[in-house]
Amino acid sequence: MTHTRGDLFDPIFGAGELAETVSDHAWVGALLEVEAALTRAAATVGLVDAAHAATVTAVAARLAAPGRIDVADLGRASAAGGNPVIPLVKILRAACAAEGVPAAAVHVGATSQDVLDSALMLLSSNAGRIVTGNLRAAADAAADLAGRHRSTPMVARTLGQQALPTTFGALAVSWCTGLDAAADAVETALSALPAAFGGAAGTLAAVHPHGLVMADALADDLGLARQTVPWHTVRTPIAALASALGLAAGTVSKPATDVVAMASTEFGEVAEDAPGGSSAMPHKRNPVAAITARAAARRVPGLVSTILSSMDHEFARAAGAWHAEWETLTDLLRLTGGAAGRLASSLTRLHVHPGALARNLEATGGLILAERVTRALSEHTDAARDIVTSAAASGAALDADPAITAHLSPETLRDLLDPVHYLGHAVDLVDRALATRTTGGHP
């Protein structure tokens, strides 16, 4: 599996800002934050002295500072137990012992999975805010384009062919509504991410009868949702987030694909504000932001599949399926957020070329209005469809075909073949969508 992970490629695929939120250092910080919150939760039910809880919190904060823990050493020490919580707890306990805190005050009643799952939920929450922010920024840019070009005519294309007239605003507003819906889906999944606390086998036996109160206190302290029951092997929250991220990545791909096609030399309908060049061809003006948005988004479905195919956690603790989630979910966050960020960059300063839109609208010589001509002609003859189909197949202009002009006057045909007069509800749909977006609380 290919990962976007590093200073070389993260900026290209839009993950620069997200990188730190899911970095190794962020992982260590989140694990320590959970351990400190766990001790504070134990203090709320009297299992840990309040002063000891304060010391654990302070020590954990110091250890989380950059450079205090060698991540490479921690990784090597993690191999034996299969996760980094085991050696990290030893480090935290040793540091706390030096300040008079007993070992029993650290990692109270928890298992490694509790700490790692809660840390993953924290990382997901932090990174998820950037993901949704990028999705909203892209949606805002699309909405701005839709408003400015609500009535700018262009050709609608279906199955790769010119179909009927529409407006650029109608196309852009479809981008906007999709991106808003995707952001909503991700926010919903993020709001449901729970803290994890079940103990060794999901019964909280080590902290009975205080387990349920501690679990709620831990969740509240971390700003995560409260669990109903321990979810060690019920991975619905992670699957829901992965699915929402997959939906978002697919939604990002649609406008990115449109921009790449419309920016082609033959279409020339749009251009990015800062297109990329070529190392060999000085004339190239590549829509790089849209291209790299597509690239990042294309890698998401496979990761979603990995999460969904890893839901079969056996009994009370999974052997392998759990471990497969950690990097997969953080990769999903950075790729989806990166794709959305690159799309936002593309759309925010996208140049729309009405002249090229008009030129391409006229490319068929009026044939894209054959539907309209057929409707008008059908009022005069039952053979309307056959007549217009034959005229279109011959390549003749519809307003010059004798079988058509026999029934429709030149003035009528001029009106019928004016694309601006056959936009349907394109402008109305833009106005409706933008009004709904505003009243719905989106910027």
Protein backbone atom coordinates (compact mmCIF):
# COMPACT_ATOMS: atom_id res chain seq x y z
CA MET A 1 0.00 0.00 0.00
CA THR A 2 1.27 3.44 -0.91
CA HIS A 3 1.16 6.09 1.78
CA THR A 4 1.41 9.86 1.63
CA ARG A 5 3.74 10.40 4.49
CA GLY A 6 6.68 12.78 4.42
CA ASP A 7 8.00 16.23 3.69
CA LEU A 8 8.54 15.50 -0.01
CA PHE A 9 5.06 14.49 -1.08
CA ASP A 10 2.70 15.81 1.60
CA PRO A 11 2.60 19.37 0.18
CA ILE A 12 1.99 18.08 -3.35
CA PHE A 13 -1.09 16.17 -2.28
CA GLY A 14 -2.35 18.86 0.09
CA ALA A 15 -1.50 17.14 3.36
CA GLY A 16 0.99 19.70 4.65
CA GLU A 17 -1.27 21.12 7.35
CA LEU A 18 -2.75 17.75 8.19
CA ALA A 19 0.60 16.02 8.48
CA GLU A 20 1.37 17.26 11.96
CA THR A 21 -2.07 16.28 13.31
CA VAL A 22 -1.48 12.61 12.47
CA SER A 23 2.31 12.50 12.79
CA ASP A 24 4.24 10.14 15.04
CA HIS A 25 4.72 13.02 17.48
CA ALA A 26 0.97 13.67 17.46
CA TRP A 27 0.35 9.99 18.18
CA VAL A 28 2.64 10.07 21.21
CA GLY A 29 1.01 13.28 22.45
CA ALA A 30 -2.48 11.82 22.08
CA LEU A 31 -1.52 8.61 23.91
CA LEU A 32 -0.10 10.63 26.78
CA GLU A 33 -3.16 12.88 26.82
CA VAL A 34 -5.38 9.82 27.19
CA GLU A 35 -3.23 8.38 29.97
CA ALA A 36 -3.43 11.68 31.88
CA ALA A 37 -7.19 11.89 31.37
CA LEU A 38 -7.54 8.30 32.54
CA THR A 39 -5.76 9.13 35.79
CA ARG A 40 -7.97 12.19 36.28
CA ALA A 41 -11.06 10.03 35.67
CA ALA A 42 -9.83 7.60 38.31
CA ALA A 43 -9.40 10.52 40.71
CA THR A 44 -13.06 11.52 40.24
CA VAL A 45 -14.13 8.22 41.81
CA GLY A 46 -11.44 8.15 44.48
CA LEU A 47 -9.19 5.50 42.95
CA VAL A 48 -6.29 7.98 42.61
CA ASP A 49 -5.26 10.81 44.88
CA ALA A 50 -6.08 14.20 43.31
CA ALA A 51 -2.52 15.44 43.87
CA HIS A 52 -1.13 12.37 42.11
CA ALA A 53 -3.50 12.96 39.20
CA ALA A 54 -2.22 16.51 38.88
CA THR A 55 1.37 15.26 38.84
CA VAL A 56 0.62 12.63 36.21
CA THR A 57 -1.01 15.32 34.08
CA ALA A 58 2.02 17.61 34.36
CA VAL A 59 4.51 14.81 33.68
CA ALA A 60 2.54 13.61 30.65
CA ALA A 61 2.50 17.14 29.26
CA ARG A 62 6.27 17.44 29.66
CA LEU A 63 6.87 14.08 27.97
CA ALA A 64 4.66 15.15 25.07
CA ALA A 65 6.94 18.08 24.26
CA PRO A 66 8.97 17.62 21.05
CA GLY A 67 12.17 15.71 21.58
CA ARG A 68 11.36 14.40 25.05
CA ILE A 69 10.59 10.90 23.80
CA ASP A 70 12.61 9.34 21.00
CA VAL A 71 9.90 8.07 18.67
CA ALA A 72 12.25 5.68 16.91
CA ASP A 73 13.26 4.11 20.23
CA LEU A 74 9.61 3.89 21.26
CA GLY A 75 8.76 2.19 17.97
CA ARG A 76 11.47 -0.41 18.43
CA ALA A 77 10.30 -1.03 21.99
CA SER A 78 6.73 -1.42 20.74
CA ALA A 79 7.48 -4.35 18.49
CA ALA A 80 7.54 -6.93 21.28
CA GLY A 81 4.04 -6.14 22.54
CA GLY A 82 2.58 -5.12 19.19
CA ASN A 83 1.59 -1.57 20.18
CA PRO A 84 3.27 1.57 21.59
CA VAL A 85 1.12 1.86 24.71
CA ILE A 86 3.03 -0.82 26.64
CA PRO A 87 6.49 0.81 26.51
CA LEU A 88 4.99 4.32 26.80
CA VAL A 89 3.27 3.43 30.07
CA LYS A 90 6.62 2.24 31.42
CA ILE A 91 8.18 5.58 30.50
CA LEU A 92 5.31 7.53 32.06
CA ARG A 93 5.32 5.48 35.26
CA ALA A 94 9.07 5.87 35.66
CA ALA A 95 8.85 9.63 35.20
CA CYS A 96 5.94 9.87 37.65
CA ALA A 97 7.69 7.65 40.22
CA ALA A 98 10.53 10.15 40.30
CA GLU A 99 7.97 12.64 41.62
CA GLY A 100 6.47 10.32 44.22
CA VAL A 101 3.53 8.97 42.24
CA PRO A 102 2.87 5.22 42.60
CA ALA A 103 2.70 3.06 39.48
CA ALA A 104 -0.92 2.20 40.29
CA ALA A 105 -1.92 5.80 39.57
CA VAL A 106 -1.02 5.42 35.88
CA HIS A 107 -3.05 3.40 33.35
CA VAL A 108 -5.78 2.71 35.90
CA GLY A 109 -8.04 -0.20 34.93
CA ALA A 110 -7.19 0.15 31.25
CA THR A 111 -5.89 -2.07 28.53
CA SER A 112 -3.64 -0.93 25.69
CA GLN A 113 -6.55 -0.90 23.26
CA ASP A 114 -8.47 1.58 25.43
CA VAL A 115 -5.62 4.06 25.27
CA LEU A 116 -4.78 3.55 21.62
CA ASP A 117 -8.41 3.67 20.44
CA SER A 118 -9.09 6.81 22.46
CA ALA A 119 -5.92 8.40 21.08
CA LEU A 120 -6.96 7.49 17.54
CA MET A 121 -10.32 9.14 18.14
CA LEU A 122 -8.55 12.28 19.39
CA LEU A 123 -6.29 12.36 16.33
CA SER A 124 -9.27 11.79 14.06
CA SER A 125 -11.20 14.60 15.73
CA ASN A 126 -8.31 17.04 15.39
CA ALA A 127 -7.50 16.09 11.80
CA GLY A 128 -11.18 15.86 10.93
CA ARG A 129 -11.70 19.53 11.71
CA ILE A 130 -9.14 20.37 9.05
CA VAL A 131 -10.75 17.94 6.60
CA THR A 132 -14.18 19.52 7.03
CA GLY A 133 -12.65 22.98 6.90
CA ASN A 134 -11.07 22.15 3.54
CA LEU A 135 -14.34 20.68 2.26
CA ARG A 136 -16.21 23.82 3.34
CA ALA A 137 -13.59 26.03 1.69
CA ALA A 138 -13.97 24.13 -1.58
CA ALA A 139 -17.76 24.34 -1.30
CA ASP A 140 -17.56 28.09 -0.65
CA ALA A 141 -15.39 28.54 -3.73
CA ALA A 142 -17.82 26.52 -5.82
CA ALA A 143 -20.73 28.55 -4.48
CA ASP A 144 -18.95 31.78 -5.39
CA LEU A 145 -18.37 30.52 -8.93
CA ALA A 146 -22.01 29.47 -9.17
CA GLY A 147 -23.24 32.88 -8.07
CA ARG A 148 -20.95 34.81 -10.40
CA HIS A 149 -21.73 32.58 -13.38
CA ARG A 150 -25.34 31.66 -12.63
CA SER A 151 -26.40 32.65 -16.16
CA THR A 152 -23.17 32.17 -18.11
CA PRO A 153 -24.16 29.78 -20.94
CA MET A 154 -22.19 26.64 -21.64
CA VAL A 155 -22.84 23.24 -23.09
CA ALA A 156 -23.89 20.36 -20.87
CA ARG A 157 -22.11 17.13 -21.71
CA THR A 158 -23.49 13.63 -21.21
CA LEU A 159 -21.59 10.42 -21.94
CA GLY A 160 -18.75 12.52 -23.29
CA GLN A 161 -20.94 14.21 -25.90
CA GLN A 162 -22.53 17.64 -26.13
CA ALA A 163 -26.11 17.41 -24.92
CA LEU A 164 -28.06 20.62 -24.20
CA PRO A 165 -27.30 24.18 -23.12
CA THR A 166 -26.83 24.87 -19.42
CA THR A 167 -24.91 27.45 -17.40
CA PHE A 168 -21.56 27.32 -15.72
CA GLY A 169 -23.37 28.26 -12.51
CA ALA A 170 -25.51 25.14 -12.72
CA LEU A 171 -22.40 23.01 -13.02
CA ALA A 172 -20.61 24.79 -10.19
CA VAL A 173 -23.61 24.62 -7.88
CA SER A 174 -23.66 20.84 -8.31
CA TRP A 175 -20.07 20.85 -7.04
CA CYS A 176 -21.09 23.01 -4.11
CA THR A 177 -24.06 20.93 -2.97
CA GLY A 178 -22.05 17.72 -3.19
CA LEU A 179 -19.19 19.16 -1.15
CA ASP A 180 -21.55 20.53 1.49
CA ALA A 181 -23.22 17.15 1.85
CA ALA A 182 -19.83 15.45 2.14
CA ALA A 183 -18.70 17.89 4.84
CA ASP A 184 -21.94 17.27 6.73
CA ALA A 185 -21.36 13.51 6.58
CA VAL A 186 -17.81 13.82 7.91
CA GLU A 187 -18.92 16.16 10.71
CA THR A 188 -21.65 13.70 11.71
CA ALA A 189 -19.15 10.85 11.88
CA LEU A 190 -16.68 12.97 13.87
CA SER A 191 -19.31 13.99 16.41
CA ALA A 192 -19.99 10.35 17.21
CA LEU A 193 -16.37 9.31 17.85
CA PRO A 194 -16.32 7.79 21.35
CA ALA A 195 -13.69 7.41 24.02
CA ALA A 196 -12.78 3.79 24.68
CA PHE A 197 -12.61 2.19 28.12
CA GLY A 198 -13.33 -1.48 28.69
CA GLY A 199 -10.40 -2.91 30.57
CA ALA A 200 -8.72 -6.20 29.84
CA ALA A 201 -11.76 -8.02 28.44
CA GLY A 202 -14.40 -5.32 28.08
CA THR A 203 -15.99 -5.78 31.52
CA LEU A 204 -14.19 -3.00 33.45
CA ALA A 205 -13.63 -5.56 36.21
CA ALA A 206 -10.45 -3.88 37.49
CA VAL A 207 -12.35 -0.69 38.44
CA HIS A 208 -15.70 -2.17 39.46
CA PRO A 209 -18.02 -0.63 40.69
CA HIS A 210 -16.68 2.65 39.28
CA GLY A 211 -16.15 1.61 35.67
CA LEU A 212 -19.17 3.23 34.05
CA VAL A 213 -18.62 6.54 35.84
CA MET A 214 -14.94 6.49 34.92
CA ALA A 215 -15.74 5.78 31.27
CA ASP A 216 -18.07 8.78 31.10
CA ALA A 217 -15.57 11.00 32.91
CA LEU A 218 -12.82 9.96 30.50
CA ALA A 219 -14.99 10.78 27.48
CA ASP A 220 -16.04 14.15 28.87
CA ASP A 221 -12.46 15.04 29.74
CA LEU A 222 -11.23 14.23 26.22
CA GLY A 223 -14.16 15.92 24.50
CA LEU A 224 -15.25 12.67 22.87
CA ALA A 225 -18.64 10.97 22.80
CA ARG A 226 -19.55 8.67 25.68
CA GLN A 227 -19.57 4.98 24.86
CA THR A 228 -22.68 2.98 25.66
CA VAL A 229 -20.66 -0.17 26.15
CA PRO A 230 -16.98 -0.90 25.43
CA TRP A 231 -16.46 -1.16 21.68
CA HIS A 232 -13.21 -3.12 21.50
CA THR A 233 -14.57 -5.38 18.77
CA VAL A 234 -17.52 -3.35 17.46
CA ARG A 235 -15.81 -0.97 15.05
CA THR A 236 -18.81 0.98 13.82
CA PRO A 237 -17.43 4.43 14.77
CA ILE A 238 -14.25 3.87 12.77
CA ALA A 239 -16.12 2.33 9.84
CA ALA A 240 -18.58 5.24 9.79
CA LEU A 241 -15.77 7.78 9.69
CA ALA A 242 -13.89 5.86 6.99
CA SER A 243 -17.06 5.64 4.90
CA ALA A 244 -17.73 9.36 5.27
CA LEU A 245 -14.16 10.12 4.23
CA GLY A 246 -14.58 7.86 1.21
CA LEU A 247 -17.76 9.70 0.26
CA ALA A 248 -15.96 13.02 0.66
CA ALA A 249 -13.02 11.96 -1.48
CA GLY A 250 -15.35 10.82 -4.23
CA THR A 251 -17.22 14.11 -4.03
CA VAL A 252 -13.94 16.03 -4.37
CA SER A 253 -13.04 13.99 -7.45
CA LYS A 254 -16.08 15.14 -9.42
CA PRO A 255 -15.27 18.88 -9.69
CA ALA A 256 -11.56 18.11 -9.94
CA THR A 257 -12.27 15.88 -12.94
CA ASP A 258 -14.46 18.55 -14.54
CA VAL A 259 -11.76 21.21 -14.07
CA VAL A 260 -9.05 19.01 -15.58
CA ALA A 261 -11.21 18.33 -18.64
CA MET A 262 -12.40 21.92 -19.06
CA ALA A 263 -8.84 23.23 -18.74
CA SER A 264 -7.64 21.08 -21.63
CA THR A 265 -6.28 22.87 -24.69
CA GLU A 266 -9.21 21.79 -26.84
CA PHE A 267 -11.85 23.03 -24.36
CA GLY A 268 -10.03 26.01 -22.89
CA GLU A 269 -13.04 26.84 -20.74
CA VAL A 270 -11.30 27.32 -17.38
CA ALA A 271 -7.78 27.84 -16.07
CA GLU A 272 -6.23 27.69 -12.64
CA ASP A 273 -4.74 30.90 -11.33
CA ALA A 274 -1.30 29.34 -10.84
CA PRO A 275 -1.04 26.49 -13.33
CA GLY A 276 1.93 24.19 -13.27
CA GLY A 277 4.48 24.00 -16.03
CA SER A 278 6.40 21.17 -17.59
CA SER A 279 10.09 20.35 -17.28
CA ALA A 280 10.20 19.73 -21.02
CA MET A 281 7.39 21.76 -22.61
CA PRO A 282 7.41 25.51 -21.90
CA HIS A 283 3.89 26.01 -23.25
CA LYS A 284 2.17 23.72 -20.74
CA ARG A 285 -0.31 25.19 -18.24
CA ASN A 286 -1.34 22.19 -16.20
CA PRO A 287 -4.26 22.41 -13.72
CA VAL A 288 -2.01 20.94 -11.04
CA ALA A 289 -4.21 21.64 -8.02
CA ALA A 290 -7.14 19.76 -9.55
CA ILE A 291 -4.82 17.01 -10.79
CA THR A 292 -3.29 16.38 -7.38
CA ALA A 293 -6.73 16.56 -5.74
CA ARG A 294 -7.76 13.70 -8.02
CA ALA A 295 -4.56 11.82 -7.25
CA ALA A 296 -5.05 11.99 -3.49
CA ALA A 297 -8.74 11.11 -3.74
CA ARG A 298 -8.07 8.10 -5.97
CA ARG A 299 -6.13 6.40 -3.19
CA VAL A 300 -8.95 6.65 -0.67
CA PRO A 301 -11.36 3.85 -1.77
CA GLY A 302 -8.77 1.14 -1.17
CA LEU A 303 -8.17 2.41 2.35
CA VAL A 304 -11.91 2.52 3.03
CA SER A 305 -12.06 -1.08 1.88
CA THR A 306 -9.28 -1.98 4.32
CA ILE A 307 -11.24 -0.48 7.21
CA LEU A 308 -14.50 -2.15 6.23
CA SER A 309 -12.84 -5.51 5.66
CA SER A 310 -11.23 -5.24 9.09
CA MET A 311 -14.50 -5.07 11.02
CA ASP A 312 -14.54 -8.77 11.81
CA HIS A 313 -12.94 -8.45 15.25
CA GLU A 314 -13.20 -11.77 16.98
CA PHE A 315 -14.58 -12.16 20.51
CA ALA A 316 -13.22 -9.55 22.97
CA ARG A 317 -9.97 -8.54 21.23
CA ALA A 318 -8.94 -8.81 17.59
CA ALA A 319 -5.68 -10.32 16.41
CA GLY A 320 -4.58 -8.22 13.46
CA ALA A 321 -7.80 -6.52 12.37
CA TRP A 322 -7.42 -3.91 15.13
CA HIS A 323 -3.78 -3.26 14.29
CA ALA A 324 -4.65 -2.72 10.61
CA GLU A 325 -6.81 0.30 11.46
CA TRP A 326 -4.27 2.69 12.99
CA GLU A 327 -2.29 3.89 9.99
CA THR A 328 -5.14 3.21 7.57
CA LEU A 329 -7.48 5.69 9.24
CA THR A 330 -4.85 8.40 9.60
CA ASP A 331 -3.89 7.94 5.95
CA LEU A 332 -7.56 8.33 5.05
CA LEU A 333 -7.71 11.60 6.95
CA ARG A 334 -4.61 13.07 5.38
CA LEU A 335 -5.48 11.99 1.84
CA THR A 336 -9.11 13.12 1.97
CA GLY A 337 -8.26 16.39 3.67
CA GLY A 338 -5.39 16.93 1.28
CA ALA A 339 -7.60 16.30 -1.74
CA ALA A 340 -10.19 18.75 -0.43
CA GLY A 341 -7.50 21.34 0.25
CA ARG A 342 -6.07 21.06 -3.24
CA LEU A 343 -9.55 21.35 -4.74
CA ALA A 344 -10.21 24.46 -2.65
CA SER A 345 -7.00 25.96 -4.05
CA SER A 346 -8.11 25.14 -7.58
CA LEU A 347 -11.63 26.54 -7.29
CA THR A 348 -10.86 29.61 -5.17
CA ARG A 349 -8.95 31.29 -7.99
CA LEU A 350 -10.38 29.48 -10.99
CA HIS A 351 -10.61 31.62 -14.14
CA VAL A 352 -13.73 30.97 -16.21
CA HIS A 353 -13.54 31.88 -19.90
CA PRO A 354 -17.04 32.78 -21.20
CA GLY A 355 -15.70 33.20 -24.75
CA ALA A 356 -14.51 29.62 -24.86
CA LEU A 357 -17.76 28.44 -23.29
CA ALA A 358 -19.68 30.26 -26.04
CA ARG A 359 -17.40 28.89 -28.78
CA ASN A 360 -17.89 25.32 -27.62
CA LEU A 361 -21.61 25.91 -27.26
CA GLU A 362 -21.73 26.69 -30.98
CA ALA A 363 -19.54 23.75 -32.00
CA THR A 364 -22.43 21.62 -33.30
CA GLY A 365 -23.97 24.42 -35.32
CA GLY A 366 -27.19 24.22 -33.37
CA LEU A 367 -27.57 20.44 -33.22
CA ILE A 368 -27.60 20.49 -29.42
CA LEU A 369 -31.00 22.19 -29.74
CA ALA A 370 -32.42 19.36 -31.84
CA GLU A 371 -34.67 18.40 -28.94
CA ARG A 372 -36.24 21.86 -28.93
CA VAL A 373 -36.69 21.91 -32.68
CA THR A 374 -38.28 18.46 -32.58
CA ARG A 375 -40.81 19.62 -29.99
CA ALA A 376 -41.77 22.65 -32.07
CA LEU A 377 -41.90 20.63 -35.29
CA SER A 378 -44.11 17.96 -33.69
CA GLU A 379 -46.92 20.50 -33.56
CA HIS A 380 -46.98 20.37 -37.36
CA THR A 381 -46.10 16.78 -38.24
CA ASP A 382 -46.00 13.35 -36.60
CA ALA A 383 -42.70 12.69 -38.40
CA ALA A 384 -40.88 15.42 -36.48
CA ARG A 385 -38.36 13.15 -34.76
CA ASP A 386 -37.46 11.31 -37.97
CA ILE A 387 -37.06 14.59 -39.86
CA VAL A 388 -34.76 16.17 -37.27
CA THR A 389 -32.80 12.94 -36.81
CA SER A 390 -32.21 12.74 -40.57
CA ALA A 391 -31.15 16.39 -40.72
CA ALA A 392 -28.73 15.96 -37.82
CA ALA A 393 -27.23 12.82 -39.38
CA SER A 394 -26.68 14.61 -42.67
CA GLY A 395 -24.67 17.32 -41.00
CA ALA A 396 -26.88 20.05 -42.43
CA ALA A 397 -27.85 23.05 -40.35
CA LEU A 398 -31.29 22.57 -38.88
CA ASP A 399 -32.43 25.99 -40.06
CA ALA A 400 -31.48 25.07 -43.64
CA ASP A 401 -33.13 21.67 -43.92
CA PRO A 402 -36.13 21.89 -46.32
CA ALA A 403 -38.18 19.35 -44.37
CA ILE A 404 -37.89 21.60 -41.31
CA THR A 405 -38.20 25.01 -42.98
CA ALA A 406 -41.34 23.78 -44.67
CA HIS A 407 -43.04 24.00 -41.30
CA LEU A 408 -41.02 26.51 -39.23
CA SER A 409 -40.26 30.09 -40.23
CA PRO A 410 -36.73 31.57 -40.15
CA GLU A 411 -37.73 33.76 -37.20
CA THR A 412 -39.04 30.77 -35.26
CA LEU A 413 -35.92 28.75 -36.01
CA ARG A 414 -33.63 31.59 -34.91
CA ASP A 415 -35.39 31.60 -31.56
CA LEU A 416 -35.40 27.81 -31.29
CA LEU A 417 -31.67 27.62 -32.04
CA ASP A 418 -30.64 30.29 -29.54
CA PRO A 419 -29.07 28.34 -26.63
CA VAL A 420 -29.81 31.14 -24.17
CA HIS A 421 -33.51 30.54 -24.79
CA TYR A 422 -33.29 26.86 -23.78
CA LEU A 423 -31.63 26.89 -20.38
CA GLY A 424 -34.64 25.46 -18.62
CA HIS A 425 -34.41 26.02 -14.86
CA ALA A 426 -30.61 26.25 -14.82
CA VAL A 427 -30.57 29.74 -13.29
CA ASP A 428 -33.47 28.93 -10.95
CA LEU A 429 -31.63 25.87 -9.67
CA VAL A 430 -28.55 27.92 -8.91
CA ASP A 431 -30.57 30.50 -7.01
CA ARG A 432 -32.48 27.82 -5.13
CA ALA A 433 -29.37 25.94 -4.09
CA LEU A 434 -27.50 29.03 -2.96
CA ALA A 435 -30.51 30.32 -1.01
CA THR A 436 -30.92 26.95 0.69
CA ARG A 437 -27.23 26.86 1.49
CA THR A 438 -27.39 30.24 3.20
CA THR A 439 -30.50 29.44 5.20
CA GLY A 440 -29.06 26.07 6.08
CA GLY A 441 -26.26 27.71 7.99
CA HIS A 442 -23.43 27.32 5.50
CA PRO A 443 -21.40 30.42 4.67
